[in-house]
Amino acid sequence: MVLQPTLSLSPTFSSEATSATVTSGTLANIDPFGIGGAHDSLFNPPISNPFDGLIDELSIYRRALSDTEIQAIYNVGSAGKCKS
């Protein structure tokens, strides 16, 4: 598996992640995974550059979504994935 990180911040495709490392292979449960910051070291994981804000309705997909799919998720608003 090759990870191709992308980032969507609005109902249309915004940008590709520029600081992520592309990894091939399978990620094991012991591999660090973080949202909103960067691990400086594999074995000593202080978080650097923490995100100062709120992250809502985070989703991780096995493939890149098309612009049409992203727009459809955005269009349903609160009737979509998070119905509370």
PDB file of N, CA and C in Angstrom:
ATOM      1  N   MET A   1       0.844  -1.169   0.000  1.00  0.00           N
ATOM      2  CA  MET A   1       0.000   0.000   0.000  1.00  0.00           C
ATOM      3  C   MET A   1       0.893   1.236   0.000  1.00  0.00           C
ATOM      4  N   VAL A   2       0.551   2.216  -0.797  1.00  0.00           N
ATOM      5  CA  VAL A   2       1.261   3.487  -0.822  1.00  0.00           C
ATOM      6  C   VAL A   2       0.305   4.554  -0.325  1.00  0.00           C
ATOM      7  N   LEU A   3       0.711   5.260   0.702  1.00  0.00           N
ATOM      8  CA  LEU A   3      -0.116   6.331   1.237  1.00  0.00           C
ATOM      9  C   LEU A   3       0.126   7.594   0.434  1.00  0.00           C
ATOM     10  N   GLN A   4      -0.938   8.214  -0.018  1.00  0.00           N
ATOM     11  CA  GLN A   4      -0.845   9.460  -0.758  1.00  0.00           C
ATOM     12  C   GLN A   4      -1.680  10.495  -0.026  1.00  0.00           C
ATOM     13  N   PRO A   5      -1.080  11.166   0.962  1.00  0.00           N
ATOM     14  CA  PRO A   5      -1.854  12.088   1.781  1.00  0.00           C
ATOM     15  C   PRO A   5      -2.384  13.262   0.975  1.00  0.00           C
ATOM     16  N   THR A   6      -3.652  13.546   1.148  1.00  0.00           N
ATOM     17  CA  THR A   6      -4.260  14.741   0.566  1.00  0.00           C
ATOM     18  C   THR A   6      -5.082  15.415   1.647  1.00  0.00           C
ATOM     19  N   LEU A   7      -5.380  16.660   1.446  1.00  0.00           N
ATOM     20  CA  LEU A   7      -6.086  17.437   2.448  1.00  0.00           C
ATOM     21  C   LEU A   7      -7.191  18.222   1.775  1.00  0.00           C
ATOM     22  N   SER A   8      -8.398  18.097   2.290  1.00  0.00           N
ATOM     23  CA  SER A   8      -9.519  18.882   1.780  1.00  0.00           C
ATOM     24  C   SER A   8     -10.069  19.727   2.915  1.00  0.00           C
ATOM     25  N   LEU A   9     -10.107  21.018   2.722  1.00  0.00           N
ATOM     26  CA  LEU A   9     -10.552  21.934   3.769  1.00  0.00           C
ATOM     27  C   LEU A   9     -11.878  22.602   3.446  1.00  0.00           C
ATOM     28  N   SER A  10     -12.405  22.372   2.283  1.00  0.00           N
ATOM     29  CA  SER A  10     -13.635  23.021   1.859  1.00  0.00           C
ATOM     30  C   SER A  10     -14.390  22.060   0.945  1.00  0.00           C
ATOM     31  N   PRO A  11     -15.524  22.472   0.418  1.00  0.00           N
ATOM     32  CA  PRO A  11     -16.262  21.553  -0.438  1.00  0.00           C
ATOM     33  C   PRO A  11     -15.559  21.243  -1.751  1.00  0.00           C
ATOM     34  N   THR A  12     -14.475  21.902  -2.028  1.00  0.00           N
ATOM     35  CA  THR A  12     -13.694  21.571  -3.216  1.00  0.00           C
ATOM     36  C   THR A  12     -12.288  21.201  -2.791  1.00  0.00           C
ATOM     37  N   PHE A  13     -11.608  20.455  -3.615  1.00  0.00           N
ATOM     38  CA  PHE A  13     -10.254  20.009  -3.317  1.00  0.00           C
ATOM     39  C   PHE A  13      -9.360  21.219  -3.113  1.00  0.00           C
ATOM     40  N   SER A  14      -8.607  21.222  -1.999  1.00  0.00           N
ATOM     41  CA  SER A  14      -7.812  22.394  -1.650  1.00  0.00           C
ATOM     42  C   SER A  14      -6.339  22.257  -1.993  1.00  0.00           C
ATOM     43  N   SER A  15      -5.712  21.198  -1.501  1.00  0.00           N
ATOM     44  CA  SER A  15      -4.275  21.084  -1.699  1.00  0.00           C
ATOM     45  C   SER A  15      -3.827  19.681  -1.369  1.00  0.00           C
ATOM     46  N   GLU A  16      -2.603  19.392  -1.691  1.00  0.00           N
ATOM     47  CA  GLU A  16      -2.000  18.138  -1.266  1.00  0.00           C
ATOM     48  C   GLU A  16      -1.087  18.438  -0.092  1.00  0.00           C
ATOM     49  N   ALA A  17      -1.025  17.503   0.842  1.00  0.00           N
ATOM     50  CA  ALA A  17      -0.131  17.673   1.982  1.00  0.00           C
ATOM     51  C   ALA A  17       1.298  17.742   1.466  1.00  0.00           C
ATOM     52  N   THR A  18       2.056  18.701   1.939  1.00  0.00           N
ATOM     53  CA  THR A  18       3.422  18.858   1.450  1.00  0.00           C
ATOM     54  C   THR A  18       4.465  18.373   2.436  1.00  0.00           C
ATOM     55  N   SER A  19       4.083  18.172   3.700  1.00  0.00           N
ATOM     56  CA  SER A  19       5.080  17.778   4.686  1.00  0.00           C
ATOM     57  C   SER A  19       4.942  16.324   5.123  1.00  0.00           C
ATOM     58  N   ALA A  20       3.985  15.598   4.569  1.00  0.00           N
ATOM     59  CA  ALA A  20       3.785  14.202   4.963  1.00  0.00           C
ATOM     60  C   ALA A  20       4.795  13.311   4.253  1.00  0.00           C
ATOM     61  N   THR A  21       5.181  12.245   4.923  1.00  0.00           N
ATOM     62  CA  THR A  21       6.076  11.268   4.328  1.00  0.00           C
ATOM     63  C   THR A  21       5.244  10.192   3.659  1.00  0.00           C
ATOM     64  N   VAL A  22       5.518   9.907   2.410  1.00  0.00           N
ATOM     65  CA  VAL A  22       4.814   8.843   1.702  1.00  0.00           C
ATOM     66  C   VAL A  22       5.466   7.527   2.078  1.00  0.00           C
ATOM     67  N   THR A  23       4.655   6.582   2.527  1.00  0.00           N
ATOM     68  CA  THR A  23       5.143   5.309   3.034  1.00  0.00           C
ATOM     69  C   THR A  23       4.561   4.186   2.209  1.00  0.00           C
ATOM     70  N   SER A  24       5.356   3.179   1.922  1.00  0.00           N
ATOM     71  CA  SER A  24       4.811   2.001   1.258  1.00  0.00           C
ATOM     72  C   SER A  24       4.821   0.851   2.241  1.00  0.00           C
ATOM     73  N   GLY A  25       3.908  -0.081   2.069  1.00  0.00           N
ATOM     74  CA  GLY A  25       3.801  -1.215   2.968  1.00  0.00           C
ATOM     75  C   GLY A  25       2.556  -1.106   3.822  1.00  0.00           C
ATOM     76  N   THR A  26       2.483  -1.906   4.837  1.00  0.00           N
ATOM     77  CA  THR A  26       1.340  -1.933   5.736  1.00  0.00           C
ATOM     78  C   THR A  26       1.719  -1.280   7.054  1.00  0.00           C
ATOM     79  N   LEU A  27       0.861  -0.419   7.555  1.00  0.00           N
ATOM     80  CA  LEU A  27       1.112   0.217   8.838  1.00  0.00           C
ATOM     81  C   LEU A  27       0.687  -0.727   9.949  1.00  0.00           C
ATOM     82  N   ALA A  28       1.561  -0.945  10.908  1.00  0.00           N
ATOM     83  CA  ALA A  28       1.252  -1.803  12.049  1.00  0.00           C
ATOM     84  C   ALA A  28       0.615  -0.975  13.156  1.00  0.00           C
ATOM     85  N   ASN A  29      -0.021  -1.641  14.105  1.00  0.00           N
ATOM     86  CA  ASN A  29      -0.663  -0.939  15.214  1.00  0.00           C
ATOM     87  C   ASN A  29       0.318  -0.143  16.061  1.00  0.00           C
ATOM     88  N   ILE A  30       1.600  -0.499  16.034  1.00  0.00           N
ATOM     89  CA  ILE A  30       2.581   0.212  16.846  1.00  0.00           C
ATOM     90  C   ILE A  30       3.087   1.478  16.173  1.00  0.00           C
ATOM     91  N   ASP A  31       2.746   1.671  14.905  1.00  0.00           N
ATOM     92  CA  ASP A  31       3.200   2.860  14.208  1.00  0.00           C
ATOM     93  C   ASP A  31       2.474   4.087  14.746  1.00  0.00           C
ATOM     94  N   PRO A  32       3.200   5.202  14.976  1.00  0.00           N
ATOM     95  CA  PRO A  32       2.535   6.394  15.491  1.00  0.00           C
ATOM     96  C   PRO A  32       1.622   6.997  14.434  1.00  0.00           C
ATOM     97  N   PHE A  33       0.502   7.484  14.886  1.00  0.00           N
ATOM     98  CA  PHE A  33      -0.448   8.145  13.993  1.00  0.00           C
ATOM     99  C   PHE A  33      -1.042   9.307  14.765  1.00  0.00           C
ATOM    100  N   GLY A  34      -0.956  10.486  14.225  1.00  0.00           N
ATOM    101  CA  GLY A  34      -1.471  11.644  14.930  1.00  0.00           C
ATOM    102  C   GLY A  34      -2.244  12.555  14.000  1.00  0.00           C
ATOM    103  N   ILE A  35      -3.170  13.261  14.568  1.00  0.00           N
ATOM    104  CA  ILE A  35      -3.948  14.255  13.835  1.00  0.00           C
ATOM    105  C   ILE A  35      -3.713  15.593  14.522  1.00  0.00           C
ATOM    106  N   GLY A  36      -3.304  16.588  13.781  1.00  0.00           N
ATOM    107  CA  GLY A  36      -3.160  17.922  14.339  1.00  0.00           C
ATOM    108  C   GLY A  36      -1.785  18.257  14.870  1.00  0.00           C
ATOM    109  N   GLY A  37      -0.776  17.470  14.540  1.00  0.00           N
ATOM    110  CA  GLY A  37       0.585  17.748  14.980  1.00  0.00           C
ATOM    111  C   GLY A  37       1.551  16.800  14.304  1.00  0.00           C
ATOM    112  N   ALA A  38       2.814  16.962  14.563  1.00  0.00           N
ATOM    113  CA  ALA A  38       3.838  16.115  13.949  1.00  0.00           C
ATOM    114  C   ALA A  38       4.660  15.449  15.040  1.00  0.00           C
ATOM    115  N   HIS A  39       4.945  14.158  14.878  1.00  0.00           N
ATOM    116  CA  HIS A  39       5.849  13.452  15.790  1.00  0.00           C
ATOM    117  C   HIS A  39       7.274  13.733  15.339  1.00  0.00           C
ATOM    118  N   ASP A  40       8.115  14.189  16.263  1.00  0.00           N
ATOM    119  CA  ASP A  40       9.498  14.488  15.918  1.00  0.00           C
ATOM    120  C   ASP A  40      10.346  13.236  15.797  1.00  0.00           C
ATOM    121  N   SER A  41       9.990  12.191  16.518  1.00  0.00           N
ATOM    122  CA  SER A  41      10.803  10.983  16.544  1.00  0.00           C
ATOM    123  C   SER A  41       9.895   9.778  16.742  1.00  0.00           C
ATOM    124  N   LEU A  42      10.252   8.650  16.149  1.00  0.00           N
ATOM    125  CA  LEU A  42       9.453   7.436  16.269  1.00  0.00           C
ATOM    126  C   LEU A  42       9.407   6.925  17.698  1.00  0.00           C
ATOM    127  N   PHE A  43      10.531   6.970  18.410  1.00  0.00           N
ATOM    128  CA  PHE A  43      10.589   6.379  19.741  1.00  0.00           C
ATOM    129  C   PHE A  43      10.456   7.391  20.871  1.00  0.00           C
ATOM    130  N   ASN A  44      10.476   8.651  20.558  1.00  0.00           N
ATOM    131  CA  ASN A  44      10.276   9.699  21.551  1.00  0.00           C
ATOM    132  C   ASN A  44       9.296  10.695  20.943  1.00  0.00           C
ATOM    133  N   PRO A  45       7.992  10.433  21.063  1.00  0.00           N
ATOM    134  CA  PRO A  45       7.032  11.187  20.257  1.00  0.00           C
ATOM    135  C   PRO A  45       6.531  12.513  20.826  1.00  0.00           C
ATOM    136  N   PRO A  46       7.402  13.497  21.017  1.00  0.00           N
ATOM    137  CA  PRO A  46       6.836  14.801  21.351  1.00  0.00           C
ATOM    138  C   PRO A  46       6.114  15.356  20.118  1.00  0.00           C
ATOM    139  N   ILE A  47       5.047  16.072  20.351  1.00  0.00           N
ATOM    140  CA  ILE A  47       4.285  16.639  19.245  1.00  0.00           C
ATOM    141  C   ILE A  47       4.808  18.044  18.963  1.00  0.00           C
ATOM    142  N   SER A  48       5.116  18.312  17.706  1.00  0.00           N
ATOM    143  CA  SER A  48       5.537  19.657  17.324  1.00  0.00           C
ATOM    144  C   SER A  48       4.483  20.256  16.399  1.00  0.00           C
ATOM    145  N   ASN A  49       4.480  21.546  16.306  1.00  0.00           N
ATOM    146  CA  ASN A  49       3.548  22.284  15.461  1.00  0.00           C
ATOM    147  C   ASN A  49       2.099  21.859  15.690  1.00  0.00           C
ATOM    148  N   PRO A  50       1.622  21.867  16.946  1.00  0.00           N
ATOM    149  CA  PRO A  50       0.252  21.421  17.189  1.00  0.00           C
ATOM    150  C   PRO A  50      -0.770  22.356  16.549  1.00  0.00           C
ATOM    151  N   PHE A  51      -1.843  21.773  16.068  1.00  0.00           N
ATOM    152  CA  PHE A  51      -2.952  22.531  15.496  1.00  0.00           C
ATOM    153  C   PHE A  51      -3.692  23.222  16.629  1.00  0.00           C
ATOM    154  N   ASP A  52      -3.916  24.515  16.520  1.00  0.00           N
ATOM    155  CA  ASP A  52      -4.599  25.283  17.557  1.00  0.00           C
ATOM    156  C   ASP A  52      -6.005  25.611  17.057  1.00  0.00           C
ATOM    157  N   GLY A  53      -6.921  24.702  17.289  1.00  0.00           N
ATOM    158  CA  GLY A  53      -8.291  24.892  16.821  1.00  0.00           C
ATOM    159  C   GLY A  53      -9.095  23.635  17.070  1.00  0.00           C
ATOM    160  N   LEU A  54     -10.191  23.493  16.363  1.00  0.00           N
ATOM    161  CA  LEU A  54     -11.061  22.335  16.505  1.00  0.00           C
ATOM    162  C   LEU A  54     -11.064  21.528  15.217  1.00  0.00           C
ATOM    163  N   ILE A  55     -11.080  20.224  15.349  1.00  0.00           N
ATOM    164  CA  ILE A  55     -11.198  19.330  14.201  1.00  0.00           C
ATOM    165  C   ILE A  55     -12.521  18.602  14.368  1.00  0.00           C
ATOM    166  N   ASP A  56     -13.382  18.690  13.370  1.00  0.00           N
ATOM    167  CA  ASP A  56     -14.718  18.108  13.454  1.00  0.00           C
ATOM    168  C   ASP A  56     -14.952  17.195  12.254  1.00  0.00           C
ATOM    169  N   GLU A  57     -15.577  16.067  12.487  1.00  0.00           N
ATOM    170  CA  GLU A  57     -15.949  15.106  11.454  1.00  0.00           C
ATOM    171  C   GLU A  57     -14.747  14.636  10.633  1.00  0.00           C
ATOM    172  N   LEU A  58     -13.704  14.260  11.320  1.00  0.00           N
ATOM    173  CA  LEU A  58     -12.525  13.712  10.662  1.00  0.00           C
ATOM    174  C   LEU A  58     -12.879  12.377  10.021  1.00  0.00           C
ATOM    175  N   SER A  59     -12.449  12.174   8.798  1.00  0.00           N
ATOM    176  CA  SER A  59     -12.683  10.904   8.103  1.00  0.00           C
ATOM    177  C   SER A  59     -11.402  10.465   7.424  1.00  0.00           C
ATOM    178  N   ILE A  60     -11.158   9.173   7.460  1.00  0.00           N
ATOM    179  CA  ILE A  60     -10.007   8.589   6.781  1.00  0.00           C
ATOM    180  C   ILE A  60     -10.544   7.547   5.810  1.00  0.00           C
ATOM    181  N   TYR A  61     -10.153   7.637   4.566  1.00  0.00           N
ATOM    182  CA  TYR A  61     -10.637   6.742   3.523  1.00  0.00           C
ATOM    183  C   TYR A  61      -9.489   5.910   2.969  1.00  0.00           C
ATOM    184  N   ARG A  62      -9.817   4.778   2.388  1.00  0.00           N
ATOM    185  CA  ARG A  62      -8.820   3.885   1.802  1.00  0.00           C
ATOM    186  C   ARG A  62      -8.355   4.365   0.432  1.00  0.00           C
ATOM    187  N   ARG A  63      -8.963   5.412  -0.069  1.00  0.00           N
ATOM    188  CA  ARG A  63      -8.610   5.950  -1.384  1.00  0.00           C
ATOM    189  C   ARG A  63      -8.897   7.446  -1.385  1.00  0.00           C
ATOM    190  N   ALA A  64      -8.355   8.126  -2.357  1.00  0.00           N
ATOM    191  CA  ALA A  64      -8.642   9.555  -2.495  1.00  0.00           C
ATOM    192  C   ALA A  64     -10.063   9.720  -3.020  1.00  0.00           C
ATOM    193  N   LEU A  65     -10.815  10.627  -2.429  1.00  0.00           N
ATOM    194  CA  LEU A  65     -12.163  10.908  -2.900  1.00  0.00           C
ATOM    195  C   LEU A  65     -12.108  11.888  -4.058  1.00  0.00           C
ATOM    196  N   SER A  66     -13.058  11.757  -4.959  1.00  0.00           N
ATOM    197  CA  SER A  66     -13.138  12.693  -6.082  1.00  0.00           C
ATOM    198  C   SER A  66     -13.725  14.015  -5.592  1.00  0.00           C
ATOM    199  N   ASP A  67     -13.553  15.055  -6.374  1.00  0.00           N
ATOM    200  CA  ASP A  67     -14.149  16.348  -6.030  1.00  0.00           C
ATOM    201  C   ASP A  67     -15.660  16.219  -5.881  1.00  0.00           C
ATOM    202  N   THR A  68     -16.295  15.396  -6.727  1.00  0.00           N
ATOM    203  CA  THR A  68     -17.743  15.188  -6.668  1.00  0.00           C
ATOM    204  C   THR A  68     -18.154  14.534  -5.353  1.00  0.00           C
ATOM    205  N   GLU A  69     -17.391  13.543  -4.899  1.00  0.00           N
ATOM    206  CA  GLU A  69     -17.692  12.879  -3.628  1.00  0.00           C
ATOM    207  C   GLU A  69     -17.529  13.835  -2.450  1.00  0.00           C
ATOM    208  N   ILE A  70     -16.491  14.646  -2.467  1.00  0.00           N
ATOM    209  CA  ILE A  70     -16.275  15.631  -1.400  1.00  0.00           C
ATOM    210  C   ILE A  70     -17.416  16.639  -1.383  1.00  0.00           C
ATOM    211  N   GLN A  71     -17.819  17.097  -2.551  1.00  0.00           N
ATOM    212  CA  GLN A  71     -18.926  18.054  -2.651  1.00  0.00           C
ATOM    213  C   GLN A  71     -20.216  17.442  -2.113  1.00  0.00           C
ATOM    214  N   ALA A  72     -20.487  16.171  -2.415  1.00  0.00           N
ATOM    215  CA  ALA A  72     -21.706  15.503  -1.946  1.00  0.00           C
ATOM    216  C   ALA A  72     -21.724  15.401  -0.422  1.00  0.00           C
ATOM    217  N   ILE A  73     -20.587  15.069   0.186  1.00  0.00           N
ATOM    218  CA  ILE A  73     -20.503  14.994   1.650  1.00  0.00           C
ATOM    219  C   ILE A  73     -20.754  16.374   2.252  1.00  0.00           C
ATOM    220  N   TYR A  74     -20.176  17.396   1.668  1.00  0.00           N
ATOM    221  CA  TYR A  74     -20.356  18.764   2.158  1.00  0.00           C
ATOM    222  C   TYR A  74     -21.810  19.211   2.024  1.00  0.00           C
ATOM    223  N   ASN A  75     -22.437  18.864   0.900  1.00  0.00           N
ATOM    224  CA  ASN A  75     -23.798  19.333   0.619  1.00  0.00           C
ATOM    225  C   ASN A  75     -24.838  18.796   1.593  1.00  0.00           C
ATOM    226  N   VAL A  76     -24.660  17.593   2.127  1.00  0.00           N
ATOM    227  CA  VAL A  76     -25.672  17.043   3.036  1.00  0.00           C
ATOM    228  C   VAL A  76     -25.584  17.651   4.428  1.00  0.00           C
ATOM    229  N   GLY A  77     -24.503  18.336   4.729  1.00  0.00           N
ATOM    230  CA  GLY A  77     -24.372  19.043   6.001  1.00  0.00           C
ATOM    231  C   GLY A  77     -24.643  18.162   7.199  1.00  0.00           C
ATOM    232  N   SER A  78     -25.443  18.654   8.150  1.00  0.00           N
ATOM    233  CA  SER A  78     -25.696  17.918   9.389  1.00  0.00           C
ATOM    234  C   SER A  78     -26.581  16.695   9.184  1.00  0.00           C
ATOM    235  N   ALA A  79     -27.170  16.520   8.021  1.00  0.00           N
ATOM    236  CA  ALA A  79     -27.961  15.322   7.730  1.00  0.00           C
ATOM    237  C   ALA A  79     -27.067  14.175   7.267  1.00  0.00           C
ATOM    238  N   GLY A  80     -25.790  14.449   7.133  1.00  0.00           N
ATOM    239  CA  GLY A  80     -24.856  13.459   6.606  1.00  0.00           C
ATOM    240  C   GLY A  80     -24.265  12.559   7.655  1.00  0.00           C
ATOM    241  N   LYS A  81     -22.947  12.515   7.740  1.00  0.00           N
ATOM    242  CA  LYS A  81     -22.235  11.562   8.592  1.00  0.00           C
ATOM    243  C   LYS A  81     -22.494  11.780  10.075  1.00  0.00           C
ATOM    244  N   CYS A  82     -22.456  13.000  10.538  1.00  0.00           N
ATOM    245  CA  CYS A  82     -22.685  13.292  11.959  1.00  0.00           C
ATOM    246  C   CYS A  82     -24.072  13.901  12.102  1.00  0.00           C
ATOM    247  N   LYS A  83     -25.024  13.087  12.525  1.00  0.00           N
ATOM    248  CA  LYS A  83     -26.426  13.509  12.530  1.00  0.00           C
ATOM    249  C   LYS A  83     -26.890  14.071  13.864  1.00  0.00           C
ATOM    250  N   SER A  84     -25.976  14.361  14.766  1.00  0.00           N
ATOM    251  CA  SER A  84     -26.407  14.846  16.085  1.00  0.00           C
ATOM    252  C   SER A  84     -26.613  16.336  16.123  1.00  0.00           C
TER     253      SER A  84
END
